[in-house]
Amino acid sequence: MVKGFCEDSVKITEKKNMLRLITLLITLLLTAPTFAAKLPAGPMLGHVALRAANIWAQAPDAGTLGIEYWVHNDRDNSQKISAQVDNNYGQSHIFKLSSLEPGTSYRYQLLFNGEVVNDGAIYQLTTQTLWQWRTDPPDFEIITGSCNFENEGIYDRSGEPYGGQYEIFDQIATEEADMMLWLGDNWYYREVDFDAEQSMLYRVLRHKSFPYLQPIFQKFANYATWDDHDYGPDNSTKSFVFKEQALAIFKHFWANPSYGMPDNPGVYTKVSFNDVDFFLLDNRYYRDHENKIDGADKAYYGTKQLNWLKNQLLTSKAPFKFIVGGGQMLNNYHKYDGWDKYRYEREPFLQWLNDQKISGVMMLSGDKHHTELLRANRDGAYPLYELTCSPLTAGTHIDALDSISKNPRLVDDTLVGERNYCKISFSGPRKDRRLEIKVLGVNGQEYWRKQIKSSVLSYSQVNTDAE
């Protein structure tokens, strides 16, 4: 009798314990944090200033996208911003954070309809350092490249896929750089895209959501200009019927500091990063066809944009002033598109640089499907250098390297016909800055490196040799 009673007591205890466990599990499920669906793309860090930052993101649906941000290790004093996403541009939004402090690390999370997304991932950014009148400028690095072709078999050309070796982005994501500068052809509109605005939107949404790009979008401050393929058709000009829509799309999907001027729209802007100025130009919106007879009325950048650039250069005190364009500017020895087909516009500008004695100017471009450093020597002036960095993942011109290598402006041993990216490092005291260019392959292998001192690019010390 006692034995049976004990057995019943044990069973009752087991049932009670089981009920307690079930109750506990239900409570945990009901009180555990919930996460909304993952963002289709982003967040992407854009322009980072001394006291501000731009962050782009795409929501999974119509609704409210939010961001919570705080100084590192001080989440108790976080701030939140929210906004209805723009349904006309794939439910995307650019947050513009303000009242930040210089040289400070921040953490942030994204929310959709009040719920944390991306499994609660926390991202970070660091504002630029307020060094002016206080210290030497910081040492820093940028990554740059162009021509990113993402295969989509049903709409690509037949034969071997044009894009490939996407692991180059895994390699780039390991770099400890401060900025990623996209030099154009950042995505490729196909024939099925550029005959309707909504089809163009499909292509850029597909581009922004590619998984291999997300670590780069999240790690670096991303800036971009365009060339023909992320503007419209191959070799497209100001006659492209969807040019206004192409500009609107670009502005909604890159978080640059600004776009054009009120009386002269475009993607051109100025990026000041530490002590270096980058002047991102628009070589499509105002461009006449290259087959037009060259003359005073044939435009590549256009008069208003060049006047803007001239005034920016006159204002700039940067030891290095990069003129950044989608296409090459100094190459006179090629049959493809470039500023050399518009010499009535280009030559007066180059002469103006000399007349005004603008120091520190270098050109930076993409498009060519090979990388090279060009040097244009000038009588009584420092040489003009142009670094062309291409391609990231698009096809290469490796079969044409023999003819390309005969260019008299090509700096020896700088021609690379493999997929690659470029890393530019800036270092040294304020009055003796120098840059180092490294060209790196898909797996991080080094193809070449060159160093150029700011003193080489001055009128006080005319020197034709990069070190």
Protein backbone atom coordinates (compact mmCIF):
# COMPACT_ATOMS: atom_id res chain seq x y z
CA MET A 1 0.00 0.00 0.00
CA VAL A 2 2.78 2.39 0.88
CA LYS A 3 4.65 1.35 -2.21
CA GLY A 4 1.72 2.14 -4.51
CA PHE A 5 1.21 5.50 -2.84
CA CYS A 6 4.85 6.42 -3.42
CA GLU A 7 4.65 5.48 -7.08
CA ASP A 8 1.56 7.64 -7.55
CA SER A 9 3.28 10.53 -5.77
CA VAL A 10 6.28 10.29 -8.08
CA LYS A 11 4.05 10.31 -11.16
CA ILE A 12 2.19 13.36 -9.90
CA THR A 13 5.52 15.15 -9.27
CA GLU A 14 6.74 14.29 -12.76
CA LYS A 15 3.54 15.65 -14.31
CA LYS A 16 3.87 18.88 -12.31
CA ASN A 17 7.48 19.28 -13.41
CA MET A 18 6.48 18.68 -17.01
CA LEU A 19 3.75 21.30 -16.76
CA ARG A 20 6.22 23.77 -15.24
CA LEU A 21 8.66 23.10 -18.12
CA ILE A 22 5.97 23.58 -20.75
CA THR A 23 4.85 26.80 -19.05
CA LEU A 24 8.44 28.04 -18.95
CA LEU A 25 8.97 27.28 -22.65
CA ILE A 26 5.76 29.07 -23.60
CA THR A 27 6.81 32.08 -21.51
CA LEU A 28 10.23 32.17 -23.15
CA LEU A 29 8.68 31.96 -26.61
CA LEU A 30 6.26 34.76 -25.83
CA THR A 31 8.87 37.06 -24.27
CA ALA A 32 11.84 36.33 -26.54
CA PRO A 33 12.86 39.17 -28.85
CA THR A 34 11.40 38.85 -32.35
CA PHE A 35 13.13 39.89 -35.52
CA ALA A 36 11.42 41.08 -38.68
CA ALA A 37 12.44 39.68 -42.04
CA LYS A 38 15.95 40.41 -43.21
CA LEU A 39 16.58 43.50 -45.27
CA PRO A 40 16.79 42.62 -48.98
CA ALA A 41 19.84 44.89 -49.21
CA GLY A 42 21.96 46.97 -46.90
CA PRO A 43 22.55 48.76 -44.77
CA MET A 44 25.09 50.56 -46.94
CA LEU A 45 27.26 53.23 -45.36
CA GLY A 46 27.56 56.23 -47.65
CA HIS A 47 29.05 59.65 -47.08
CA VAL A 48 30.77 60.03 -43.70
CA ALA A 49 31.61 63.56 -42.59
CA LEU A 50 32.92 65.15 -39.41
CA ARG A 51 29.51 65.36 -37.72
CA ALA A 52 27.20 63.53 -40.09
CA ALA A 53 26.74 60.27 -41.98
CA ASN A 54 24.44 58.89 -44.68
CA ILE A 55 23.16 55.31 -44.51
CA TRP A 56 21.10 53.62 -47.25
CA ALA A 57 18.88 50.59 -46.68
CA GLN A 58 16.08 48.70 -48.39
CA ALA A 59 13.04 47.47 -46.45
CA PRO A 60 11.40 44.09 -47.14
CA ASP A 61 8.02 45.71 -47.83
CA ALA A 62 6.09 48.95 -47.61
CA GLY A 63 6.22 50.35 -44.11
CA THR A 64 8.44 52.23 -41.68
CA LEU A 65 12.18 51.79 -41.70
CA GLY A 66 14.07 52.94 -38.63
CA ILE A 67 17.60 53.29 -37.36
CA GLU A 68 18.86 53.38 -33.78
CA TYR A 69 22.40 54.69 -33.27
CA TRP A 70 24.62 55.41 -30.31
CA VAL A 71 28.18 56.23 -29.32
CA HIS A 72 30.16 53.05 -28.84
CA ASN A 73 29.51 51.60 -25.34
CA ASP A 74 26.78 54.16 -24.59
CA ARG A 75 23.57 52.62 -25.87
CA ASP A 76 21.60 54.11 -22.97
CA ASN A 77 21.78 57.44 -24.84
CA SER A 78 20.88 56.13 -28.28
CA GLN A 79 18.90 58.11 -30.83
CA LYS A 80 16.29 56.88 -33.27
CA ILE A 81 15.13 58.02 -36.69
CA SER A 82 12.32 56.49 -38.72
CA ALA A 83 10.78 57.16 -42.10
CA GLN A 84 8.24 55.74 -44.50
CA VAL A 85 10.16 53.96 -47.24
CA ASP A 86 9.92 55.14 -50.85
CA ASN A 87 7.80 52.57 -52.66
CA ASN A 88 8.77 54.06 -56.03
CA TYR A 89 12.38 53.00 -55.45
CA GLY A 90 12.11 49.49 -54.05
CA GLN A 91 11.14 50.48 -50.49
CA SER A 92 14.53 52.11 -49.97
CA HIS A 93 15.56 55.06 -47.84
CA ILE A 94 18.68 57.12 -47.07
CA PHE A 95 19.06 58.07 -43.41
CA LYS A 96 20.97 61.28 -42.76
CA LEU A 97 22.45 61.17 -39.28
CA SER A 98 23.35 64.54 -37.77
CA SER A 99 24.84 66.01 -34.58
CA LEU A 100 27.53 63.34 -34.44
CA GLU A 101 30.97 64.11 -33.02
CA PRO A 102 34.24 64.04 -35.01
CA GLY A 103 36.58 61.08 -34.71
CA THR A 104 33.99 59.03 -32.85
CA SER A 105 32.85 55.43 -33.34
CA TYR A 106 29.13 54.80 -33.47
CA ARG A 107 27.05 51.62 -33.48
CA TYR A 108 23.67 51.25 -35.16
CA GLN A 109 20.82 48.83 -35.81
CA LEU A 110 18.06 48.84 -38.40
CA LEU A 111 14.37 48.31 -37.63
CA PHE A 112 11.33 47.64 -39.78
CA ASN A 113 7.91 48.55 -38.38
CA GLY A 114 9.55 48.81 -34.96
CA GLU A 115 11.22 45.40 -34.98
CA VAL A 116 14.96 44.84 -35.25
CA VAL A 117 15.99 43.27 -38.57
CA ASN A 118 18.91 41.18 -39.82
CA ASP A 119 18.87 38.97 -36.71
CA GLY A 120 19.76 41.92 -34.53
CA ALA A 121 23.02 42.69 -36.31
CA ILE A 122 24.88 45.74 -35.02
CA TYR A 123 26.91 47.82 -37.50
CA GLN A 124 29.45 50.55 -36.96
CA LEU A 125 30.81 53.75 -38.45
CA THR A 126 33.52 56.22 -37.45
CA THR A 127 33.24 59.90 -38.26
CA GLN A 128 36.15 61.77 -39.81
CA THR A 129 38.80 63.30 -37.56
CA LEU A 130 38.89 67.04 -36.89
CA TRP A 131 42.60 67.45 -37.58
CA GLN A 132 42.68 70.88 -39.28
CA TRP A 133 44.73 73.48 -37.33
CA ARG A 134 45.39 70.84 -34.69
CA THR A 135 47.55 67.95 -35.89
CA ASP A 136 48.96 66.39 -39.01
CA PRO A 137 46.26 64.81 -41.16
CA PRO A 138 45.49 61.15 -40.45
CA ASP A 139 46.97 58.33 -42.48
CA PHE A 140 44.21 56.53 -44.34
CA GLU A 141 43.45 54.16 -47.22
CA ILE A 142 40.82 53.88 -49.90
CA ILE A 143 39.78 51.00 -52.14
CA THR A 144 38.70 51.73 -55.69
CA GLY A 145 37.63 49.89 -58.82
CA SER A 146 35.11 49.74 -61.65
CA CYS A 147 33.20 47.39 -63.94
CA ASN A 148 31.16 44.97 -61.84
CA PHE A 149 29.13 42.59 -64.01
CA GLU A 150 26.68 40.29 -62.24
CA ASN A 151 25.65 37.38 -64.44
CA GLU A 152 21.98 36.68 -65.06
CA GLY A 153 21.99 33.91 -67.64
CA ILE A 154 18.61 34.42 -69.28
CA TYR A 155 19.41 38.05 -70.11
CA ASP A 156 23.18 37.81 -70.72
CA ARG A 157 24.94 37.33 -74.01
CA SER A 158 25.32 33.73 -75.11
CA GLY A 159 28.58 31.91 -74.54
CA GLU A 160 30.92 32.08 -71.59
CA PRO A 161 29.56 34.27 -68.77
CA TYR A 162 30.98 37.79 -68.91
CA GLY A 163 31.19 38.24 -65.14
CA GLY A 164 33.10 36.13 -62.67
CA GLN A 165 35.53 35.75 -59.79
CA TYR A 166 33.17 37.41 -57.35
CA GLU A 167 35.43 36.27 -54.54
CA ILE A 168 37.34 39.49 -55.22
CA PHE A 169 34.75 41.14 -52.96
CA ASP A 170 35.53 38.71 -50.18
CA GLN A 171 39.14 39.82 -50.47
CA ILE A 172 38.22 43.53 -50.53
CA ALA A 173 36.13 43.02 -47.39
CA THR A 174 39.29 41.95 -45.51
CA GLU A 175 40.98 45.30 -46.17
CA GLU A 176 41.23 47.80 -43.32
CA ALA A 177 40.43 50.80 -45.51
CA ASP A 178 38.27 53.84 -44.83
CA MET A 179 36.48 54.32 -48.13
CA MET A 180 35.28 52.39 -51.18
CA LEU A 181 35.20 54.57 -54.30
CA TRP A 182 33.18 53.05 -57.16
CA LEU A 183 34.42 54.37 -60.52
CA GLY A 184 31.46 53.57 -62.75
CA ASP A 185 29.85 50.60 -64.47
CA ASN A 186 28.98 49.62 -60.92
CA TRP A 187 26.15 47.56 -62.42
CA TYR A 188 25.36 46.76 -66.05
CA TYR A 189 21.97 47.54 -67.52
CA ARG A 190 21.03 44.91 -70.13
CA GLU A 191 19.04 45.30 -73.34
CA VAL A 192 15.95 44.21 -71.40
CA ASP A 193 16.53 47.00 -68.86
CA PHE A 194 17.15 50.33 -70.54
CA ASP A 195 13.96 50.47 -72.64
CA ALA A 196 11.76 51.15 -69.59
CA GLU A 197 12.34 52.92 -66.29
CA GLN A 198 10.83 50.12 -64.20
CA SER A 199 13.17 47.61 -65.85
CA MET A 200 16.15 49.78 -64.91
CA LEU A 201 14.91 49.72 -61.33
CA TYR A 202 14.86 45.91 -61.46
CA ARG A 203 18.55 45.83 -62.37
CA VAL A 204 19.72 48.13 -59.61
CA LEU A 205 17.61 46.33 -56.99
CA ARG A 206 19.19 43.07 -58.08
CA HIS A 207 22.65 44.66 -57.86
CA LYS A 208 22.13 46.07 -54.37
CA SER A 209 20.92 42.75 -52.99
CA PHE A 210 23.86 40.60 -54.16
CA PRO A 211 25.21 38.86 -51.03
CA TYR A 212 28.89 39.34 -51.82
CA LEU A 213 28.48 43.13 -51.80
CA GLN A 214 26.87 43.42 -48.37
CA PRO A 215 30.12 43.24 -46.30
CA ILE A 216 31.61 46.03 -48.43
CA PHE A 217 28.50 48.17 -48.18
CA GLN A 218 28.55 47.76 -44.40
CA LYS A 219 32.28 48.12 -43.71
CA PHE A 220 33.42 51.12 -45.78
CA ALA A 221 32.09 54.57 -46.57
CA ASN A 222 30.83 54.03 -50.15
CA TYR A 223 30.95 56.73 -52.83
CA ALA A 224 30.20 56.38 -56.54
CA THR A 225 30.16 58.02 -59.93
CA TRP A 226 28.81 56.39 -63.08
CA ASP A 227 29.79 55.47 -66.61
CA ASP A 228 27.67 54.27 -69.51
CA HIS A 229 26.48 50.89 -68.20
CA ASP A 230 25.02 52.15 -64.92
CA TYR A 231 23.58 55.17 -66.78
CA GLY A 232 22.04 53.50 -69.82
CA PRO A 233 23.09 51.65 -72.98
CA ASP A 234 26.68 51.09 -74.09
CA ASN A 235 28.39 54.41 -74.95
CA SER A 236 25.20 56.29 -74.06
CA THR A 237 25.05 60.08 -74.27
CA LYS A 238 22.83 63.00 -73.29
CA SER A 239 20.27 61.75 -75.82
CA PHE A 240 19.32 58.73 -73.68
CA VAL A 241 15.54 59.06 -73.31
CA PHE A 242 15.56 57.91 -69.68
CA LYS A 243 18.46 60.09 -68.53
CA GLU A 244 16.36 61.85 -65.89
CA GLN A 245 15.09 58.54 -64.55
CA ALA A 246 18.63 57.12 -64.56
CA LEU A 247 19.78 60.08 -62.47
CA ALA A 248 16.87 59.71 -60.05
CA ILE A 249 17.64 56.01 -59.60
CA PHE A 250 21.33 56.68 -58.99
CA LYS A 251 20.54 59.35 -56.41
CA HIS A 252 18.21 57.00 -54.53
CA PHE A 253 20.69 54.11 -54.41
CA TRP A 254 24.01 55.82 -53.62
CA ALA A 255 24.33 57.92 -50.46
CA ASN A 256 26.78 60.50 -51.84
CA PRO A 257 27.14 63.91 -50.16
CA SER A 258 25.41 65.76 -53.03
CA TYR A 259 24.41 65.59 -56.69
CA GLY A 260 25.13 68.29 -59.25
CA MET A 261 24.05 71.90 -58.85
CA PRO A 262 20.56 73.45 -58.82
CA ASP A 263 20.88 74.80 -62.36
CA ASN A 264 22.88 71.85 -63.69
CA PRO A 265 21.82 68.37 -62.50
CA GLY A 266 24.08 65.33 -62.59
CA VAL A 267 25.96 62.89 -60.39
CA TYR A 268 29.01 65.11 -59.96
CA THR A 269 30.06 66.03 -56.42
CA LYS A 270 33.04 66.71 -54.18
CA VAL A 271 34.20 64.27 -51.52
CA SER A 272 36.68 65.58 -48.93
CA PHE A 273 38.18 62.70 -47.00
CA ASN A 274 40.71 63.84 -44.41
CA ASP A 275 43.12 66.05 -46.38
CA VAL A 276 42.39 64.69 -49.89
CA ASP A 277 39.74 65.99 -52.27
CA PHE A 278 37.98 63.77 -54.81
CA PHE A 279 35.99 65.52 -57.52
CA LEU A 280 33.56 62.94 -58.89
CA LEU A 281 32.51 63.98 -62.39
CA ASP A 282 29.55 63.11 -64.62
CA ASN A 283 30.71 62.05 -68.09
CA ARG A 284 27.27 61.01 -69.42
CA TYR A 285 24.48 63.45 -68.64
CA TYR A 286 25.81 66.26 -70.88
CA ARG A 287 27.88 64.23 -73.30
CA ASP A 288 27.58 64.54 -77.07
CA HIS A 289 28.20 61.45 -79.17
CA GLU A 290 31.89 60.91 -79.82
CA ASN A 291 31.27 60.69 -83.59
CA LYS A 292 30.18 64.33 -83.65
CA ILE A 293 32.82 66.46 -85.37
CA ASP A 294 35.02 67.92 -82.68
CA GLY A 295 34.52 71.59 -82.05
CA ALA A 296 33.57 74.19 -79.48
CA ASP A 297 30.00 72.87 -79.27
CA LYS A 298 30.97 69.24 -78.58
CA ALA A 299 30.63 68.44 -74.87
CA TYR A 300 31.98 65.66 -72.69
CA TYR A 301 31.50 67.19 -69.24
CA GLY A 302 29.93 70.43 -70.41
CA THR A 303 30.77 74.06 -69.67
CA LYS A 304 28.83 74.41 -66.42
CA GLN A 305 30.27 71.28 -64.86
CA LEU A 306 33.82 72.28 -65.84
CA ASN A 307 33.31 75.76 -64.41
CA TRP A 308 32.17 74.12 -61.17
CA LEU A 309 35.30 71.94 -61.21
CA LYS A 310 37.60 74.89 -61.86
CA ASN A 311 36.22 76.83 -58.91
CA GLN A 312 36.49 73.76 -56.70
CA LEU A 313 40.13 73.28 -57.69
CA LEU A 314 40.91 76.93 -57.02
CA THR A 315 39.37 76.60 -53.57
CA SER A 316 40.98 73.28 -52.64
CA LYS A 317 44.04 73.23 -50.37
CA ALA A 318 44.41 69.45 -50.62
CA PRO A 319 47.89 68.06 -51.41
CA PHE A 320 46.18 65.56 -53.72
CA LYS A 321 43.23 66.61 -55.87
CA PHE A 322 41.72 63.64 -57.69
CA ILE A 323 39.61 64.33 -60.77
CA VAL A 324 37.46 61.20 -60.91
CA GLY A 325 35.60 60.12 -64.04
CA GLY A 326 33.98 57.02 -65.43
CA GLY A 327 36.11 57.14 -68.59
CA GLN A 328 39.75 57.88 -69.31
CA MET A 329 40.88 61.47 -69.58
CA LEU A 330 44.59 61.49 -70.56
CA ASN A 331 44.80 58.56 -72.96
CA ASN A 332 45.52 59.77 -76.52
CA TYR A 333 46.44 56.36 -77.91
CA HIS A 334 43.31 54.23 -78.01
CA LYS A 335 40.26 53.78 -80.24
CA TYR A 336 37.68 53.60 -77.44
CA ASP A 337 35.66 56.37 -75.85
CA GLY A 338 37.40 58.93 -73.69
CA TRP A 339 37.98 62.65 -73.22
CA ASP A 340 40.60 62.64 -76.01
CA LYS A 341 37.73 62.55 -78.55
CA TYR A 342 36.65 65.97 -77.20
CA ARG A 343 39.88 67.94 -77.43
CA TYR A 344 38.21 71.31 -77.96
CA GLU A 345 36.91 70.84 -74.43
CA ARG A 346 39.83 68.96 -72.88
CA GLU A 347 42.86 70.94 -74.08
CA PRO A 348 41.70 74.35 -72.79
CA PHE A 349 41.02 72.77 -69.40
CA LEU A 350 44.46 71.17 -69.21
CA GLN A 351 46.00 74.50 -70.21
CA TRP A 352 43.93 76.21 -67.52
CA LEU A 353 45.44 73.88 -64.90
CA ASN A 354 48.87 75.05 -65.98
CA ASP A 355 47.96 78.72 -66.25
CA GLN A 356 46.45 78.69 -62.75
CA LYS A 357 49.30 76.54 -61.42
CA ILE A 358 46.95 74.12 -59.71
CA SER A 359 49.12 71.71 -57.75
CA GLY A 360 48.40 68.14 -56.69
CA VAL A 361 46.12 67.13 -59.57
CA MET A 362 45.75 63.47 -60.51
CA MET A 363 43.13 61.67 -62.59
CA LEU A 364 41.32 58.51 -61.50
CA SER A 365 39.12 56.51 -63.89
CA GLY A 366 37.61 53.13 -64.74
CA ASP A 367 35.91 51.61 -67.79
CA LYS A 368 38.86 50.09 -69.68
CA HIS A 369 38.76 46.48 -68.45
CA HIS A 370 42.44 46.68 -67.60
CA THR A 371 44.42 48.67 -65.05
CA GLU A 372 47.26 51.05 -65.91
CA LEU A 373 49.04 54.18 -64.76
CA LEU A 374 49.44 56.86 -67.43
CA ARG A 375 51.80 59.84 -67.26
CA ALA A 376 51.44 62.91 -69.44
CA ASN A 377 54.59 65.05 -69.26
CA ARG A 378 54.14 68.82 -69.62
CA ASP A 379 56.64 71.52 -70.47
CA GLY A 380 57.35 73.65 -67.41
CA ALA A 381 54.87 71.77 -65.23
CA TYR A 382 54.68 68.62 -63.19
CA PRO A 383 53.43 65.49 -65.01
CA LEU A 384 49.77 64.60 -64.91
CA TYR A 385 49.12 61.04 -63.77
CA GLU A 386 45.99 59.02 -64.41
CA LEU A 387 45.28 55.77 -62.60
CA THR A 388 42.76 53.60 -64.40
CA CYS A 389 41.46 50.74 -62.27
CA SER A 390 39.37 48.04 -64.00
CA PRO A 391 37.70 45.52 -63.96
CA LEU A 392 36.38 44.14 -60.69
CA THR A 393 34.30 41.26 -62.06
CA ALA A 394 33.53 42.10 -65.71
CA GLY A 395 35.45 40.60 -68.63
CA THR A 396 39.07 41.63 -69.24
CA HIS A 397 41.02 42.86 -72.26
CA ILE A 398 43.85 40.46 -71.60
CA ASP A 399 44.04 39.50 -75.29
CA ALA A 400 44.64 43.12 -76.29
CA LEU A 401 47.47 43.86 -73.86
CA ASP A 402 50.15 43.77 -76.53
CA SER A 403 48.72 46.73 -78.42
CA ILE A 404 47.73 48.54 -75.21
CA SER A 405 51.31 48.24 -73.93
CA LYS A 406 52.59 50.39 -76.82
CA ASN A 407 50.98 53.52 -75.37
CA PRO A 408 53.84 56.06 -74.89
CA ARG A 409 52.08 57.48 -71.83
CA LEU A 410 52.00 54.10 -70.06
CA VAL A 411 54.23 53.95 -66.98
CA ASP A 412 56.44 50.86 -67.21
CA ASP A 413 55.20 47.68 -65.55
CA THR A 414 51.77 49.05 -64.58
CA LEU A 415 49.56 47.27 -67.11
CA VAL A 416 47.34 44.58 -65.55
CA GLY A 417 44.96 42.49 -67.63
CA GLU A 418 43.43 40.42 -64.82
CA ARG A 419 40.48 41.28 -62.59
CA ASN A 420 41.77 43.53 -59.83
CA TYR A 421 41.18 46.37 -57.43
CA CYS A 422 43.36 49.31 -56.39
CA LYS A 423 44.30 50.43 -52.90
CA ILE A 424 45.61 53.97 -52.38
CA SER A 425 47.26 54.83 -49.07
CA PHE A 426 47.91 58.38 -47.88
CA SER A 427 50.52 59.10 -45.20
CA GLY A 428 53.13 61.52 -43.92
CA PRO A 429 53.15 64.93 -42.23
CA ARG A 430 50.99 67.76 -43.53
CA LYS A 431 53.73 69.39 -45.61
CA ASP A 432 55.17 66.16 -46.97
CA ARG A 433 52.24 63.92 -47.84
CA ARG A 434 52.65 60.93 -50.07
CA LEU A 435 50.44 58.33 -51.62
CA GLU A 436 51.12 54.73 -52.47
CA ILE A 437 49.15 52.85 -55.10
CA LYS A 438 48.87 49.07 -54.90
CA VAL A 439 47.12 46.99 -57.54
CA LEU A 440 45.82 43.74 -56.07
CA GLY A 441 44.28 40.63 -57.58
CA VAL A 442 41.29 38.47 -56.79
CA ASN A 443 43.15 36.67 -54.00
CA GLY A 444 45.04 39.71 -52.77
CA GLN A 445 48.17 39.07 -54.84
CA GLU A 446 50.12 42.25 -55.59
CA TYR A 447 50.69 43.17 -59.24
CA TRP A 448 52.56 46.43 -58.67
CA ARG A 449 52.97 49.40 -56.36
CA LYS A 450 54.08 53.00 -56.91
CA GLN A 451 54.64 55.92 -54.55
CA ILE A 452 54.12 59.56 -55.47
CA LYS A 453 55.00 62.45 -53.15
CA SER A 454 52.87 65.56 -53.06
CA SER A 455 56.01 67.56 -53.75
CA VAL A 456 56.26 65.85 -57.16
CA LEU A 457 52.89 67.34 -58.11
CA SER A 458 53.85 70.95 -57.50
CA TYR A 459 55.23 73.85 -59.49
CA SER A 460 57.94 74.51 -56.93
CA GLN A 461 59.61 71.18 -57.72
CA VAL A 462 59.06 70.01 -61.27
CA ASN A 463 59.88 66.30 -61.35
CA THR A 464 58.79 63.72 -63.90
CA ASP A 465 59.43 60.54 -61.94
CA ALA A 466 57.21 58.63 -59.57
CA GLU A 467 59.23 56.92 -56.90
